[in-house]
Amino acid sequence: IPDLRSAFQAVRRLATFHYYSASTGR
């Protein structure tokens, strides 16, 4: 199902991007 693959990609890309790029102020 294309929409399920797309949802997987959206969360995967954004979760990993924000995990490594986010500044916590420390």
Full PDB file with SEQRES, HELIX, SHEET, SSBOND, CRYST1, ORIGX, SCALE, CONECT and MASTER records, all heavy atoms in Angstrom:
SEQRES   1 A   26  ILE PRO ASP LEU ARG SER ALA PHE GLN ALA VAL ARG ARG          
SEQRES   2 A   26  LEU ALA THR PHE HIS TYR TYR SER ALA SER THR GLY ARG          
HELIX    1 AA1 PRO A    2  SER A   21  1                                  20    
CRYST1    1.000    1.000    1.000  90.00  90.00  90.00 P 1           1          
ORIGX1      1.000000  0.000000  0.000000        0.00000                         
ORIGX2      0.000000  1.000000  0.000000        0.00000                         
ORIGX3      0.000000  0.000000  1.000000        0.00000                         
SCALE1      1.000000  0.000000  0.000000        0.00000                         
SCALE2      0.000000  1.000000  0.000000        0.00000                         
SCALE3      0.000000  0.000000  1.000000        0.00000                         
ATOM      1  N   ILE A   1       0.857  -1.188   0.000  1.00  0.00           N  
ATOM      2  CA  ILE A   1       0.000   0.000   0.000  1.00  0.00           C  
ATOM      3  C   ILE A   1       0.897   1.243   0.000  1.00  0.00           C  
ATOM      4  O   ILE A   1       1.626   1.493   0.965  1.00  0.00           O  
ATOM      5  CB  ILE A   1      -0.924   0.013   1.226  1.00  0.00           C  
ATOM      6  CG1 ILE A   1      -1.780  -1.263   1.244  1.00  0.00           C  
ATOM      7  CG2 ILE A   1      -1.816   1.248   1.217  1.00  0.00           C  
ATOM      8  CD1 ILE A   1      -2.632  -1.411   2.479  1.00  0.00           C  
ATOM      9  N   PRO A   2       0.878   2.039  -1.066  1.00  0.00           N  
ATOM     10  CA  PRO A   2       1.798   3.184  -1.156  1.00  0.00           C  
ATOM     11  C   PRO A   2       1.704   4.148   0.017  1.00  0.00           C  
ATOM     12  O   PRO A   2       2.732   4.642   0.491  1.00  0.00           O  
ATOM     13  CB  PRO A   2       1.378   3.853  -2.477  1.00  0.00           C  
ATOM     14  CG  PRO A   2       0.766   2.756  -3.281  1.00  0.00           C  
ATOM     15  CD  PRO A   2       0.069   1.873  -2.290  1.00  0.00           C  
ATOM     16  N   ASP A   3       0.503   4.456   0.482  1.00  0.00           N  
ATOM     17  CA  ASP A   3       0.364   5.419   1.572  1.00  0.00           C  
ATOM     18  C   ASP A   3       1.021   4.925   2.854  1.00  0.00           C  
ATOM     19  O   ASP A   3       1.525   5.732   3.658  1.00  0.00           O  
ATOM     20  CB  ASP A   3      -1.110   5.739   1.830  1.00  0.00           C  
ATOM     21  CG  ASP A   3      -1.656   6.758   0.836  1.00  0.00           C  
ATOM     22  OD1 ASP A   3      -0.855   7.287   0.042  1.00  0.00           O  
ATOM     23  OD2 ASP A   3      -2.869   7.030   0.864  1.00  0.00           O  
ATOM     24  N   LEU A   4       1.025   3.613   3.096  1.00  0.00           N  
ATOM     25  CA  LEU A   4       1.690   3.080   4.284  1.00  0.00           C  
ATOM     26  C   LEU A   4       3.204   3.209   4.155  1.00  0.00           C  
ATOM     27  O   LEU A   4       3.889   3.564   5.125  1.00  0.00           O  
ATOM     28  CB  LEU A   4       1.297   1.623   4.500  1.00  0.00           C  
ATOM     29  CG  LEU A   4      -0.160   1.352   4.882  1.00  0.00           C  
ATOM     30  CD1 LEU A   4      -0.385  -0.140   5.091  1.00  0.00           C  
ATOM     31  CD2 LEU A   4      -0.539   2.127   6.143  1.00  0.00           C  
ATOM     32  N   ARG A   5       3.727   2.939   2.974  1.00  0.00           N  
ATOM     33  CA  ARG A   5       5.171   3.116   2.763  1.00  0.00           C  
ATOM     34  C   ARG A   5       5.549   4.589   2.936  1.00  0.00           C  
ATOM     35  O   ARG A   5       6.580   4.905   3.533  1.00  0.00           O  
ATOM     36  CB  ARG A   5       5.586   2.630   1.372  1.00  0.00           C  
ATOM     37  CG  ARG A   5       5.408   1.145   1.133  1.00  0.00           C  
ATOM     38  CD  ARG A   5       6.224   0.676  -0.076  1.00  0.00           C  
ATOM     39  NE  ARG A   5       5.931   1.455  -1.274  1.00  0.00           N  
ATOM     40  CZ  ARG A   5       4.973   1.165  -2.141  1.00  0.00           C  
ATOM     41  NH1 ARG A   5       4.176   0.114  -1.923  1.00  0.00           N  
ATOM     42  NH2 ARG A   5       4.785   1.907  -3.224  1.00  0.00           N  
ATOM     43  N   SER A   6       4.715   5.485   2.419  1.00  0.00           N  
ATOM     44  CA  SER A   6       5.009   6.916   2.528  1.00  0.00           C  
ATOM     45  C   SER A   6       4.991   7.370   3.978  1.00  0.00           C  
ATOM     46  O   SER A   6       5.843   8.162   4.400  1.00  0.00           O  
ATOM     47  CB  SER A   6       3.993   7.720   1.711  1.00  0.00           C  
ATOM     48  OG  SER A   6       4.101   7.432   0.330  1.00  0.00           O  
ATOM     49  N   ALA A   7       4.013   6.892   4.746  1.00  0.00           N  
ATOM     50  CA  ALA A   7       3.946   7.263   6.164  1.00  0.00           C  
ATOM     51  C   ALA A   7       5.170   6.767   6.907  1.00  0.00           C  
ATOM     52  O   ALA A   7       5.737   7.472   7.751  1.00  0.00           O  
ATOM     53  CB  ALA A   7       2.674   6.700   6.784  1.00  0.00           C  
ATOM     54  N   PHE A   8       5.595   5.542   6.602  1.00  0.00           N  
ATOM     55  CA  PHE A   8       6.816   5.005   7.202  1.00  0.00           C  
ATOM     56  C   PHE A   8       8.006   5.914   6.905  1.00  0.00           C  
ATOM     57  O   PHE A   8       8.774   6.284   7.802  1.00  0.00           O  
ATOM     58  CB  PHE A   8       7.078   3.598   6.657  1.00  0.00           C  
ATOM     59  CG  PHE A   8       8.464   3.085   6.942  1.00  0.00           C  
ATOM     60  CD1 PHE A   8       8.745   2.451   8.135  1.00  0.00           C  
ATOM     61  CD2 PHE A   8       9.490   3.246   6.008  1.00  0.00           C  
ATOM     62  CE1 PHE A   8      10.033   1.982   8.410  1.00  0.00           C  
ATOM     63  CE2 PHE A   8      10.771   2.784   6.276  1.00  0.00           C  
ATOM     64  CZ  PHE A   8      11.042   2.153   7.474  1.00  0.00           C  
ATOM     65  N   GLN A   9       8.167   6.303   5.636  1.00  0.00           N  
ATOM     66  CA  GLN A   9       9.297   7.148   5.248  1.00  0.00           C  
ATOM     67  C   GLN A   9       9.239   8.507   5.937  1.00  0.00           C  
ATOM     68  O   GLN A   9      10.271   9.049   6.355  1.00  0.00           O  
ATOM     69  CB  GLN A   9       9.327   7.321   3.727  1.00  0.00           C  
ATOM     70  CG  GLN A   9       9.596   6.053   2.933  1.00  0.00           C  
ATOM     71  CD  GLN A   9      11.027   5.565   3.085  1.00  0.00           C  
ATOM     72  OE1 GLN A   9      11.869   6.212   3.714  1.00  0.00           O  
ATOM     73  NE2 GLN A   9      11.306   4.401   2.523  1.00  0.00           N  
ATOM     74  N   ALA A  10       8.039   9.071   6.048  1.00  0.00           N  
ATOM     75  CA  ALA A  10       7.897  10.393   6.660  1.00  0.00           C  
ATOM     76  C   ALA A  10       8.380  10.371   8.102  1.00  0.00           C  
ATOM     77  O   ALA A  10       9.170  11.228   8.530  1.00  0.00           O  
ATOM     78  CB  ALA A  10       6.449  10.851   6.585  1.00  0.00           C  
ATOM     79  N   VAL A  11       7.902   9.389   8.881  1.00  0.00           N  
ATOM     80  CA  VAL A  11       8.289   9.340  10.291  1.00  0.00           C  
ATOM     81  C   VAL A  11       9.762   8.988  10.428  1.00  0.00           C  
ATOM     82  O   VAL A  11      10.481   9.567  11.250  1.00  0.00           O  
ATOM     83  CB  VAL A  11       7.415   8.338  11.059  1.00  0.00           C  
ATOM     84  CG1 VAL A  11       7.807   8.313  12.538  1.00  0.00           C  
ATOM     85  CG2 VAL A  11       5.938   8.694  10.932  1.00  0.00           C  
ATOM     86  N   ARG A  12      10.236   8.038   9.632  1.00  0.00           N  
ATOM     87  CA  ARG A  12      11.646   7.638   9.720  1.00  0.00           C  
ATOM     88  C   ARG A  12      12.575   8.814   9.453  1.00  0.00           C  
ATOM     89  O   ARG A  12      13.510   9.085  10.233  1.00  0.00           O  
ATOM     90  CB  ARG A  12      11.933   6.518   8.714  1.00  0.00           C  
ATOM     91  CG  ARG A  12      13.397   6.050   8.714  1.00  0.00           C  
ATOM     92  CD  ARG A  12      13.698   5.129   7.546  1.00  0.00           C  
ATOM     93  NE  ARG A  12      13.549   5.805   6.260  1.00  0.00           N  
ATOM     94  CZ  ARG A  12      14.484   6.586   5.710  1.00  0.00           C  
ATOM     95  NH1 ARG A  12      15.631   6.814   6.345  1.00  0.00           N  
ATOM     96  NH2 ARG A  12      14.277   7.157   4.538  1.00  0.00           N  
ATOM     97  N   ARG A  13      12.337   9.528   8.357  1.00  0.00           N  
ATOM     98  CA  ARG A  13      13.232  10.633   7.996  1.00  0.00           C  
ATOM     99  C   ARG A  13      13.180  11.748   9.022  1.00  0.00           C  
ATOM    100  O   ARG A  13      14.212  12.280   9.440  1.00  0.00           O  
ATOM    101  CB  ARG A  13      12.875  11.188   6.610  1.00  0.00           C  
ATOM    102  CG  ARG A  13      13.236  10.247   5.467  1.00  0.00           C  
ATOM    103  CD  ARG A  13      13.243  10.961   4.134  1.00  0.00           C  
ATOM    104  NE  ARG A  13      11.946  11.487   3.769  1.00  0.00           N  
ATOM    105  CZ  ARG A  13      11.666  12.774   3.627  1.00  0.00           C  
ATOM    106  NH1 ARG A  13      12.592  13.687   3.845  1.00  0.00           N  
ATOM    107  NH2 ARG A  13      10.462  13.162   3.276  1.00  0.00           N  
ATOM    108  N   LEU A  14      11.971  12.127   9.424  1.00  0.00           N  
ATOM    109  CA  LEU A  14      11.843  13.265  10.327  1.00  0.00           C  
ATOM    110  C   LEU A  14      12.328  12.933  11.730  1.00  0.00           C  
ATOM    111  O   LEU A  14      12.954  13.761  12.399  1.00  0.00           O  
ATOM    112  CB  LEU A  14      10.391  13.745  10.360  1.00  0.00           C  
ATOM    113  CG  LEU A  14       9.891  14.394   9.071  1.00  0.00           C  
ATOM    114  CD1 LEU A  14       8.405  14.706   9.167  1.00  0.00           C  
ATOM    115  CD2 LEU A  14      10.681  15.667   8.763  1.00  0.00           C  
ATOM    116  N   ALA A  15      12.041  11.718  12.208  1.00  0.00           N  
ATOM    117  CA  ALA A  15      12.471  11.352  13.557  1.00  0.00           C  
ATOM    118  C   ALA A  15      13.988  11.331  13.658  1.00  0.00           C  
ATOM    119  O   ALA A  15      14.571  11.867  14.618  1.00  0.00           O  
ATOM    120  CB  ALA A  15      11.895   9.998  13.943  1.00  0.00           C  
ATOM    121  N   THR A  16      14.652  10.731  12.684  1.00  0.00           N  
ATOM    122  CA  THR A  16      16.108  10.666  12.750  1.00  0.00           C  
ATOM    123  C   THR A  16      16.743  12.034  12.515  1.00  0.00           C  
ATOM    124  O   THR A  16      17.727  12.397  13.169  1.00  0.00           O  
ATOM    125  CB  THR A  16      16.653   9.649  11.733  1.00  0.00           C  
ATOM    126  OG1 THR A  16      16.111   9.935  10.430  1.00  0.00           O  
ATOM    127  CG2 THR A  16      16.241   8.233  12.117  1.00  0.00           C  
ATOM    128  N   PHE A  17      16.169  12.816  11.600  1.00  0.00           N  
ATOM    129  CA  PHE A  17      16.717  14.154  11.359  1.00  0.00           C  
ATOM    130  C   PHE A  17      16.647  15.005  12.620  1.00  0.00           C  
ATOM    131  O   PHE A  17      17.640  15.613  13.034  1.00  0.00           O  
ATOM    132  CB  PHE A  17      15.955  14.852  10.229  1.00  0.00           C  
ATOM    133  CG  PHE A  17      16.287  16.317  10.102  1.00  0.00           C  
ATOM    134  CD1 PHE A  17      17.492  16.724   9.554  1.00  0.00           C  
ATOM    135  CD2 PHE A  17      15.409  17.290  10.547  1.00  0.00           C  
ATOM    136  CE1 PHE A  17      17.818  18.072   9.453  1.00  0.00           C  
ATOM    137  CE2 PHE A  17      15.715  18.634  10.450  1.00  0.00           C  
ATOM    138  CZ  PHE A  17      16.931  19.026   9.899  1.00  0.00           C  
ATOM    139  N   HIS A  18      15.480  15.072  13.239  1.00  0.00           N  
ATOM    140  CA  HIS A  18      15.339  15.933  14.412  1.00  0.00           C  
ATOM    141  C   HIS A  18      16.100  15.386  15.616  1.00  0.00           C  
ATOM    142  O   HIS A  18      16.537  16.159  16.475  1.00  0.00           O  
ATOM    143  CB  HIS A  18      13.858  16.121  14.748  1.00  0.00           C  
ATOM    144  CG  HIS A  18      13.155  17.058  13.812  1.00  0.00           C  
ATOM    145  ND1 HIS A  18      13.455  18.395  13.751  1.00  0.00           N  
ATOM    146  CD2 HIS A  18      12.171  16.855  12.905  1.00  0.00           C  
ATOM    147  CE1 HIS A  18      12.684  18.981  12.843  1.00  0.00           C  
ATOM    148  NE2 HIS A  18      11.910  18.063  12.315  1.00  0.00           N  
ATOM    149  N   TYR A  19      16.285  14.071  15.685  1.00  0.00           N  
ATOM    150  CA  TYR A  19      17.043  13.514  16.803  1.00  0.00           C  
ATOM    151  C   TYR A  19      18.480  14.017  16.783  1.00  0.00           C  
ATOM    152  O   TYR A  19      19.032  14.416  17.808  1.00  0.00           O  
ATOM    153  CB  TYR A  19      17.023  11.983  16.737  1.00  0.00           C  
ATOM    154  CG  TYR A  19      17.713  11.319  17.904  1.00  0.00           C  
ATOM    155  CD1 TYR A  19      17.045  11.124  19.103  1.00  0.00           C  
ATOM    156  CD2 TYR A  19      19.040  10.881  17.800  1.00  0.00           C  
ATOM    157  CE1 TYR A  19      17.673  10.514  20.181  1.00  0.00           C  
ATOM    158  CE2 TYR A  19      19.676  10.270  18.869  1.00  0.00           C  
ATOM    159  CZ  TYR A  19      18.984  10.089  20.060  1.00  0.00           C  
ATOM    160  OH  TYR A  19      19.616   9.486  21.124  1.00  0.00           O  
ATOM    161  N   TYR A  20      19.091  14.003  15.614  1.00  0.00           N  
ATOM    162  CA  TYR A  20      20.498  14.377  15.528  1.00  0.00           C  
ATOM    163  C   TYR A  20      20.724  15.872  15.359  1.00  0.00           C  
ATOM    164  O   TYR A  20      21.787  16.391  15.706  1.00  0.00           O  
ATOM    165  CB  TYR A  20      21.171  13.621  14.378  1.00  0.00           C  
ATOM    166  CG  TYR A  20      21.396  12.164  14.691  1.00  0.00           C  
ATOM    167  CD1 TYR A  20      20.535  11.192  14.202  1.00  0.00           C  
ATOM    168  CD2 TYR A  20      22.459  11.761  15.498  1.00  0.00           C  
ATOM    169  CE1 TYR A  20      20.723   9.844  14.507  1.00  0.00           C  
ATOM    170  CE2 TYR A  20      22.653  10.429  15.805  1.00  0.00           C  
ATOM    171  CZ  TYR A  20      21.789   9.471  15.310  1.00  0.00           C  
ATOM    172  OH  TYR A  20      21.971   8.149  15.621  1.00  0.00           O  
ATOM    173  N   SER A  21      19.747  16.591  14.828  1.00  0.00           N  
ATOM    174  CA  SER A  21      19.963  18.014  14.526  1.00  0.00           C  
ATOM    175  C   SER A  21      19.460  18.939  15.623  1.00  0.00           C  
ATOM    176  O   SER A  21      19.878  20.092  15.698  1.00  0.00           O  
ATOM    177  CB  SER A  21      19.278  18.390  13.211  1.00  0.00           C  
ATOM    178  OG  SER A  21      17.870  18.294  13.335  1.00  0.00           O  
ATOM    179  N   ALA A  22      18.552  18.448  16.473  1.00  0.00           N  
ATOM    180  CA  ALA A  22      17.922  19.333  17.457  1.00  0.00           C  
ATOM    181  C   ALA A  22      18.926  19.811  18.494  1.00  0.00           C  
ATOM    182  O   ALA A  22      19.743  19.039  18.997  1.00  0.00           O  
ATOM    183  CB  ALA A  22      16.764  18.614  18.136  1.00  0.00           C  
ATOM    184  N   SER A  23      18.851  21.083  18.817  1.00  0.00           N  
ATOM    185  CA  SER A  23      19.676  21.643  19.886  1.00  0.00           C  
ATOM    186  C   SER A  23      18.885  21.639  21.179  1.00  0.00           C  
ATOM    187  O   SER A  23      17.752  22.119  21.237  1.00  0.00           O  
ATOM    188  CB  SER A  23      20.095  23.072  19.539  1.00  0.00           C  
ATOM    189  OG  SER A  23      20.731  23.688  20.653  1.00  0.00           O  
ATOM    190  N   THR A  24      19.474  21.064  22.215  1.00  0.00           N  
ATOM    191  CA  THR A  24      18.816  21.027  23.523  1.00  0.00           C  
ATOM    192  C   THR A  24      19.234  22.188  24.413  1.00  0.00           C  
ATOM    193  O   THR A  24      18.747  22.312  25.528  1.00  0.00           O  
ATOM    194  CB  THR A  24      19.151  19.710  24.234  1.00  0.00           C  
ATOM    195  OG1 THR A  24      20.580  19.628  24.412  1.00  0.00           O  
ATOM    196  CG2 THR A  24      18.674  18.516  23.425  1.00  0.00           C  
ATOM    197  N   GLY A  25      20.131  23.025  23.924  1.00  0.00           N  
ATOM    198  CA  GLY A  25      20.610  24.139  24.727  1.00  0.00           C  
ATOM    199  C   GLY A  25      21.810  23.792  25.588  1.00  0.00           C  
ATOM    200  O   GLY A  25      22.392  24.668  26.224  1.00  0.00           O  
ATOM    201  N   ARG A  26      22.181  22.520  25.619  1.00  0.00           N  
ATOM    202  CA  ARG A  26      23.346  22.106  26.400  1.00  0.00           C  
ATOM    203  C   ARG A  26      24.610  22.328  25.583  1.00  0.00           C  
ATOM    204  O   ARG A  26      24.678  21.964  24.404  1.00  0.00           O  
ATOM    205  CB  ARG A  26      23.240  20.628  26.779  1.00  0.00           C  
ATOM    206  CG  ARG A  26      22.196  20.313  27.805  1.00  0.00           C  
ATOM    207  CD  ARG A  26      22.134  18.817  28.091  1.00  0.00           C  
ATOM    208  NE  ARG A  26      23.432  18.234  28.415  1.00  0.00           N  
ATOM    209  CZ  ARG A  26      23.597  16.963  28.779  1.00  0.00           C  
ATOM    210  NH1 ARG A  26      22.544  16.163  28.853  1.00  0.00           N  
ATOM    211  NH2 ARG A  26      24.802  16.502  29.061  1.00  0.00           N  
TER     212      ARG A  26                                                      
MASTER        0    0    0    1    0    0    0    6  211    1    0    2          
END                                                                             
